[in-house]
C-alpha atoms as a PDB file:
ATOM      1  CA  MET A   1      23.020  15.242  23.783  1.00  0.00           C
ATOM      2  CA  GLU A   2      24.361  17.622  26.414  1.00  0.00           C
ATOM      3  CA  ASN A   3      21.146  19.653  26.292  1.00  0.00           C
ATOM      4  CA  ILE A   4      19.027  16.521  26.698  1.00  0.00           C
ATOM      5  CA  GLU A   5      21.092  15.382  29.677  1.00  0.00           C
ATOM      6  CA  LYS A   6      20.774  18.840  31.213  1.00  0.00           C
ATOM      7  CA  MET A   7      17.004  18.812  30.755  1.00  0.00           C
ATOM      8  CA  LEU A   8      16.845  15.365  32.351  1.00  0.00           C
ATOM      9  CA  GLY A   9      18.976  16.569  35.260  1.00  0.00           C
ATOM     10  CA  ASP A  10      16.813  19.666  35.760  1.00  0.00           C
ATOM     11  CA  GLY A  11      13.636  17.602  35.649  1.00  0.00           C
ATOM     12  CA  ASP A  12      12.370  19.309  32.487  1.00  0.00           C
ATOM     13  CA  ILE A  13      11.808  15.880  30.924  1.00  0.00           C
ATOM     14  CA  GLN A  14       9.948  13.323  32.982  1.00  0.00           C
ATOM     15  CA  PHE A  15      10.569   9.583  32.629  1.00  0.00           C
ATOM     16  CA  THR A  16       9.429   6.416  34.349  1.00  0.00           C
ATOM     17  CA  ASP A  17      12.489   4.171  33.927  1.00  0.00           C
ATOM     18  CA  ALA A  18      15.863   5.819  34.511  1.00  0.00           C
ATOM     19  CA  GLN A  19      17.834   2.794  33.344  1.00  0.00           C
ATOM     20  CA  ASP A  20      16.056   2.772  29.979  1.00  0.00           C
ATOM     21  CA  VAL A  21      16.926   6.445  29.480  1.00  0.00           C
ATOM     22  CA  ILE A  22      20.579   5.870  30.346  1.00  0.00           C
ATOM     23  CA  THR A  23      20.770   2.903  27.972  1.00  0.00           C
ATOM     24  CA  LEU A  24      19.139   4.890  25.176  1.00  0.00           C
ATOM     25  CA  LEU A  25      21.461   7.875  25.590  1.00  0.00           C
ATOM     26  CA  HIS A  26      24.493   5.603  25.643  1.00  0.00           C
ATOM     27  CA  THR A  27      23.337   3.881  22.455  1.00  0.00           C
ATOM     28  CA  VAL A  28      22.718   7.028  20.436  1.00  0.00           C
ATOM     29  CA  ARG A  29      25.790   8.845  21.767  1.00  0.00           C
ATOM     30  CA  TYR A  30      28.206   6.401  20.166  1.00  0.00           C
ATOM     31  CA  LYS A  31      26.208   5.675  17.039  1.00  0.00           C
ATOM     32  CA  LYS A  32      27.587   7.140  13.829  1.00  0.00           C
ATOM     33  CA  TRP A  33      24.927   9.291  12.186  1.00  0.00           C
ATOM     34  CA  ASN A  34      24.909  10.383   8.572  1.00  0.00           C
ATOM     35  CA  VAL A  35      22.001  12.783   8.172  1.00  0.00           C
ATOM     36  CA  TYR A  36      21.319  13.949   4.625  1.00  0.00           C
ATOM     37  CA  ALA A  37      18.281  16.095   3.868  1.00  0.00           C
ATOM     38  CA  LYS A  38      18.290  17.601   0.406  1.00  0.00           C
ATOM     39  CA  VAL A  39      16.551  20.951   0.057  1.00  0.00           C
ATOM     40  CA  PRO A  40      13.383  20.522  -2.092  1.00  0.00           C
ATOM     41  CA  PHE A  41      13.390  22.539  -5.296  1.00  0.00           C
ATOM     42  CA  ALA A  42       9.902  23.961  -4.904  1.00  0.00           C
ATOM     43  CA  GLY A  43       9.408  23.818  -1.152  1.00  0.00           C
ATOM     44  CA  PRO A  44       7.661  21.445   1.293  1.00  0.00           C
ATOM     45  CA  ALA A  45       4.240  21.842  -0.373  1.00  0.00           C
ATOM     46  CA  GLN A  46       5.506  20.144  -3.531  1.00  0.00           C
ATOM     47  CA  ILE A  47       6.870  17.205  -1.493  1.00  0.00           C
ATOM     48  CA  ILE A  48       3.521  16.684   0.227  1.00  0.00           C
ATOM     49  CA  GLU A  49       1.679  16.894  -3.091  1.00  0.00           C
ATOM     50  CA  TYR A  50       4.106  14.433  -4.699  1.00  0.00           C
ATOM     51  CA  LEU A  51       3.823  11.895  -1.880  1.00  0.00           C
ATOM     52  CA  GLY A  52       0.058  12.311  -1.771  1.00  0.00           C
ATOM     53  CA  ARG A  53      -0.268  11.184  -5.376  1.00  0.00           C
ATOM     54  CA  TYR A  54       1.319   7.851  -4.504  1.00  0.00           C
ATOM     55  CA  THR A  55      -0.050   7.202  -1.028  1.00  0.00           C
ATOM     56  CA  HIS A  56      -3.684   8.067  -1.725  1.00  0.00           C
ATOM     57  CA  LYS A  57      -4.169   7.494  -5.437  1.00  0.00           C
ATOM     58  CA  VAL A  58      -6.235   4.685  -6.957  1.00  0.00           C
ATOM     59  CA  ALA A  59      -5.058   2.245  -9.609  1.00  0.00           C
ATOM     60  CA  ILE A  60      -6.445   4.386 -12.442  1.00  0.00           C
ATOM     61  CA  THR A  61      -8.153   7.765 -12.439  1.00  0.00           C
ATOM     62  CA  SER A  62     -11.443   8.384 -14.225  1.00  0.00           C
ATOM     63  CA  HIS A  63     -10.055  10.902 -16.718  1.00  0.00           C
ATOM     64  CA  ARG A  64      -7.767   8.223 -18.198  1.00  0.00           C
ATOM     65  CA  ILE A  65     -10.724   6.029 -19.176  1.00  0.00           C
ATOM     66  CA  THR A  66     -11.841   7.192 -22.612  1.00  0.00           C
ATOM     67  CA  GLU A  67     -14.459   4.643 -23.647  1.00  0.00           C
ATOM     68  CA  ILE A  68     -16.552   1.857 -22.148  1.00  0.00           C
ATOM     69  CA  ASP A  69     -18.844  -0.456 -24.082  1.00  0.00           C
ATOM     70  CA  ASP A  70     -20.545  -3.785 -23.400  1.00  0.00           C
ATOM     71  CA  GLN A  71     -17.368  -5.783 -23.982  1.00  0.00           C
ATOM     72  CA  THR A  72     -14.289  -3.590 -23.576  1.00  0.00           C
ATOM     73  CA  ILE A  73     -12.746  -0.657 -21.729  1.00  0.00           C
ATOM     74  CA  THR A  74     -10.326   1.761 -23.410  1.00  0.00           C
ATOM     75  CA  PHE A  75      -7.958   3.928 -21.402  1.00  0.00           C
ATOM     76  CA  LYS A  76      -4.891   6.112 -21.862  1.00  0.00           C
ATOM     77  CA  TYR A  77      -1.478   5.180 -20.527  1.00  0.00           C
ATOM     78  CA  LYS A  78       2.110   6.405 -20.779  1.00  0.00           C
ATOM     79  CA  ASP A  79       4.556   4.076 -22.530  1.00  0.00           C
ATOM     80  CA  TYR A  80       7.861   4.673 -20.737  1.00  0.00           C
ATOM     81  CA  LYS A  81       9.685   2.322 -23.104  1.00  0.00           C
ATOM     82  CA  ASP A  82       8.690   4.434 -26.105  1.00  0.00           C
ATOM     83  CA  GLY A  83       9.751   7.903 -25.001  1.00  0.00           C
ATOM     84  CA  ASN A  84       6.879   8.442 -22.549  1.00  0.00           C
ATOM     85  CA  LYS A  85       4.351   8.591 -25.391  1.00  0.00           C
ATOM     86  CA  GLN A  86       0.628   8.710 -24.570  1.00  0.00           C
ATOM     87  CA  LYS A  87      -1.105   5.639 -25.974  1.00  0.00           C
ATOM     88  CA  SER A  88      -4.446   3.903 -25.699  1.00  0.00           C
ATOM     89  CA  MET A  89      -5.156   0.342 -24.653  1.00  0.00           C
ATOM     90  CA  THR A  90      -8.375  -1.640 -24.981  1.00  0.00           C
ATOM     91  CA  LEU A  91      -9.077  -4.539 -22.643  1.00  0.00           C
ATOM     92  CA  THR A  92     -12.013  -6.796 -21.934  1.00  0.00           C
ATOM     93  CA  HIS A  93     -13.925  -6.105 -18.734  1.00  0.00           C
ATOM     94  CA  ALA A  94     -12.520  -9.250 -17.121  1.00  0.00           C
ATOM     95  CA  GLU A  95      -8.912  -8.409 -17.989  1.00  0.00           C
ATOM     96  CA  PHE A  96      -9.339  -4.807 -16.853  1.00  0.00           C
ATOM     97  CA  LEU A  97     -10.666  -5.979 -13.486  1.00  0.00           C
ATOM     98  CA  ARG A  98      -7.881  -8.564 -13.206  1.00  0.00           C
ATOM     99  CA  ARG A  99      -5.241  -5.870 -13.664  1.00  0.00           C
ATOM    100  CA  TYR A 100      -7.080  -3.468 -11.370  1.00  0.00           C
ATOM    101  CA  GLU A 101      -7.161  -6.103  -8.640  1.00  0.00           C
ATOM    102  CA  GLN A 102      -3.359  -6.308  -8.688  1.00  0.00           C
ATOM    103  CA  HIS A 103      -3.337  -2.866  -7.036  1.00  0.00           C
ATOM    104  CA  ILE A 104      -5.541  -3.945  -4.126  1.00  0.00           C
ATOM    105  CA  LEU A 105      -3.405  -4.592  -1.078  1.00  0.00           C
ATOM    106  CA  PRO A 106      -3.967  -7.889   0.749  1.00  0.00           C
ATOM    107  CA  ARG A 107      -5.742  -7.742   4.081  1.00  0.00           C
ATOM    108  CA  LYS A 108      -3.710  -6.043   6.845  1.00  0.00           C
ATOM    109  CA  PHE A 109      -1.205  -4.601   4.356  1.00  0.00           C
ATOM    110  CA  VAL A 110      -0.972  -0.814   4.320  1.00  0.00           C
ATOM    111  CA  LYS A 111       0.610   1.775   2.024  1.00  0.00           C
ATOM    112  CA  ILE A 112       2.071   3.830   4.854  1.00  0.00           C
ATOM    113  CA  ARG A 113       3.818   2.181   7.797  1.00  0.00           C
ATOM    114  CA  HIS A 114       4.619   4.075  10.970  1.00  0.00           C
ATOM    115  CA  CYS A 115       7.491   3.276  13.286  1.00  0.00           C
ATOM    116  CA  GLY A 116       8.765   4.523  16.615  1.00  0.00           C
ATOM    117  CA  TYR A 117       6.185   6.053  18.921  1.00  0.00           C
ATOM    118  CA  LEU A 118       3.703   6.166  16.011  1.00  0.00           C
ATOM    119  CA  SER A 119       3.777   2.403  15.354  1.00  0.00           C
ATOM    120  CA  PRO A 120       0.233   1.027  15.663  1.00  0.00           C
ATOM    121  CA  ARG A 121       0.739  -1.259  18.671  1.00  0.00           C
ATOM    122  CA  ASP A 122      -0.108   0.682  21.863  1.00  0.00           C
ATOM    123  CA  LYS A 123       0.306   3.983  20.005  1.00  0.00           C
ATOM    124  CA  THR A 124      -2.387   5.695  22.058  1.00  0.00           C
ATOM    125  CA  LEU A 125      -0.656   4.816  25.333  1.00  0.00           C
ATOM    126  CA  ARG A 126       2.736   6.020  24.077  1.00  0.00           C
ATOM    127  CA  ILE A 127       1.328   9.323  22.860  1.00  0.00           C
ATOM    128  CA  LYS A 128      -0.406   9.791  26.200  1.00  0.00           C
ATOM    129  CA  ASP A 129       2.898   9.181  28.009  1.00  0.00           C
ATOM    130  CA  ILE A 130       4.645  11.737  25.784  1.00  0.00           C
ATOM    131  CA  TYR A 131       1.996  14.353  26.503  1.00  0.00           C
ATOM    132  CA  ASP A 132       2.248  13.616  30.237  1.00  0.00           C
ATOM    133  CA  GLN A 133       6.052  13.892  30.209  1.00  0.00           C
ATOM    134  CA  LEU A 134       5.934  17.181  28.315  1.00  0.00           C
ATOM    135  CA  GLN A 135       3.188  18.400  30.632  1.00  0.00           C
ATOM    136  CA  LEU A 136       0.875  19.151  27.718  1.00  0.00           C
ATOM    137  CA  LEU A 137      -2.895  19.070  27.595  1.00  0.00           C
ATOM    138  CA  PRO A 138      -4.200  15.725  26.306  1.00  0.00           C
ATOM    139  CA  PRO A 139      -4.776  15.600  22.524  1.00  0.00           C
ATOM    140  CA  THR A 140      -8.259  16.306  21.254  1.00  0.00           C
ATOM    141  CA  PRO A 141     -10.117  13.038  20.599  1.00  0.00           C
ATOM    142  CA  LYS A 142     -10.961  12.260  16.997  1.00  0.00           C
ATOM    143  CA  ALA A 143     -14.468  13.114  15.869  1.00  0.00           C
ATOM    144  CA  THR A 144     -15.961  10.444  13.623  1.00  0.00           C
ATOM    145  CA  LEU A 145     -18.621  11.660  11.199  1.00  0.00           C
ATOM    146  CA  PRO A 146     -21.011   9.171   9.574  1.00  0.00           C
ATOM    147  CA  ILE A 147     -20.744   8.843   5.813  1.00  0.00           C
ATOM    148  CA  ARG A 148     -24.168  10.431   5.227  1.00  0.00           C
ATOM    149  CA  LEU A 149     -23.070  13.561   7.087  1.00  0.00           C
ATOM    150  CA  ARG A 150     -19.736  13.751   5.295  1.00  0.00           C
ATOM    151  CA  LEU A 151     -21.473  13.521   1.924  1.00  0.00           C
ATOM    152  CA  LEU A 152     -23.997  16.153   2.976  1.00  0.00           C
ATOM    153  CA  ILE A 153     -21.215  18.556   3.958  1.00  0.00           C
ATOM    154  CA  LYS A 154     -19.180  17.897   0.821  1.00  0.00           C
ATOM    155  CA  THR A 155     -21.908  17.681  -1.830  1.00  0.00           C
ATOM    156  CA  GLY A 156     -25.029  19.129  -0.201  1.00  0.00           C
ATOM    157  CA  ILE A 157     -26.899  15.895  -1.002  1.00  0.00           C
ATOM    158  CA  ASP A 158     -28.744  14.036   1.757  1.00  0.00           C
ATOM    159  CA  ILE A 159     -28.494  10.360   0.780  1.00  0.00           C
ATOM    160  CA  THR A 160     -31.069   9.381   3.415  1.00  0.00           C
ATOM    161  CA  VAL A 161     -33.882  11.170   1.535  1.00  0.00           C
ATOM    162  CA  CYS A 162     -36.036   8.814  -0.538  1.00  0.00           C
ATOM    163  CA  PRO A 163     -35.152   9.347  -4.237  1.00  0.00           C
ATOM    164  CA  VAL A 164     -38.774   8.635  -5.250  1.00  0.00           C
ATOM    165  CA  CYS A 165     -40.980  10.754  -2.992  1.00  0.00           C
ATOM    166  CA  LYS A 166     -38.199  13.173  -1.956  1.00  0.00           C
ATOM    167  CA  GLU A 167     -39.707  13.346   1.550  1.00  0.00           C
ATOM    168  CA  GLY A 168     -39.314  10.067   3.397  1.00  0.00           C
ATOM    169  CA  LYS A 169     -36.122   9.075   5.176  1.00  0.00           C
ATOM    170  CA  MET A 170     -34.373   5.843   4.271  1.00  0.00           C
ATOM    171  CA  ILE A 171     -32.815   3.704   6.988  1.00  0.00           C
ATOM    172  CA  TYR A 172     -29.686   1.734   6.146  1.00  0.00           C
ATOM    173  CA  ARG A 173     -29.932  -1.997   6.794  1.00  0.00           C
ATOM    174  CA  GLN A 174     -27.254  -3.705   4.746  1.00  0.00           C
ATOM    175  CA  THR A 175     -25.500  -3.642   1.375  1.00  0.00           C
ATOM    176  CA  LEU A 176     -25.628  -6.644  -0.931  1.00  0.00           C
ATOM    177  CA  VAL A 177     -23.591  -7.379  -4.049  1.00  0.00           C
ATOM    178  CA  MET A 178     -24.039 -10.122  -6.631  1.00  0.00           C
ATOM    179  CA  HIS A 179     -21.185 -12.630  -6.653  1.00  0.00           C
ATOM    180  CA  ASN A 180     -21.285 -15.850  -8.711  1.00  0.00           C
ATOM    181  CA  GLY A 181     -25.067 -15.797  -8.775  1.00  0.00           C
ATOM    182  CA  SER A 182     -25.495 -15.220  -5.033  1.00  0.00           C
ATOM    183  CA  LEU A 183     -26.110 -12.118  -2.957  1.00  0.00           C
ATOM    184  CA  ILE A 184     -23.287 -11.389  -0.515  1.00  0.00           C
ATOM    185  CA  GLN A 185     -23.314  -8.878   2.306  1.00  0.00           C
ATOM    186  CA  THR A 186     -20.493  -6.426   1.679  1.00  0.00           C
ATOM    187  CA  ASN A 187     -19.338  -6.579   5.291  1.00  0.00           C
ATOM    188  CA  PHE A 188     -18.500 -10.228   4.615  1.00  0.00           C
ATOM    189  CA  THR A 189     -16.611  -9.656   1.367  1.00  0.00           C
ATOM    190  CA  ARG A 190     -12.863 -10.030   1.467  1.00  0.00           C
ATOM    191  CA  ASN A 191      -9.994  -9.404  -0.895  1.00  0.00           C
ATOM    192  CA  ARG A 192      -7.544 -11.965  -2.216  1.00  0.00           C
ATOM    193  CA  GLY A 193      -5.602 -12.078   1.058  1.00  0.00           C
ATOM    194  CA  SER A 194      -8.645 -13.009   3.135  1.00  0.00           C
ATOM    195  CA  PRO A 195     -10.432 -16.207   4.151  1.00  0.00           C
ATOM    196  CA  THR A 196     -13.632 -17.636   2.688  1.00  0.00           C
ATOM    197  CA  MET A 197     -16.665 -15.376   2.296  1.00  0.00           C
ATOM    198  CA  HIS A 198     -19.986 -15.963   4.055  1.00  0.00           C
ATOM    199  CA  ILE A 199     -22.775 -16.478   1.539  1.00  0.00           C
ATOM    200  CA  SER A 200     -26.316 -15.155   2.099  1.00  0.00           C
ATOM    201  CA  ARG A 201     -28.884 -16.884  -0.152  1.00  0.00           C
END
């Protein structure tokens, strides 16, 4: 706290509202902190790998699915109530999809929530203010690559090439899926937390 106050006094940290800074320093100065950070057994890389499995994984990975036929799907699972034994379960397609859907987050729900200066609302403006106060160069803007280019880089396959003649270029118009006997544009499809879908007949 003393170092922060010194930096503020020397002008090393810039701020726009002095009263807000004073109020913040007063609040944190008299707050009782109990910081506990346990040393990871195998280092930071293991922590990132562990969290990544839960924040970016899907409901079931392909290698767990052992058999698919016209009526059922069989997959492996771990029975924690029976000594973590590996077992197999066979479900109908409808029941498998019903269970899979339970892992789809409703609209506007996210797996990872950010708080503080990284909270979504006005995040860009806050980060810009931080860079200005620290007298840093502005962050590099994000480069957005189209999906066709990302697939080409990752797999070497150009999905815009006609699969029949292997020469012509395909132009994307729209994607349609069959739903209850009707074709629906995928940009209109919603999950269970969303309003009614627009039907294209």
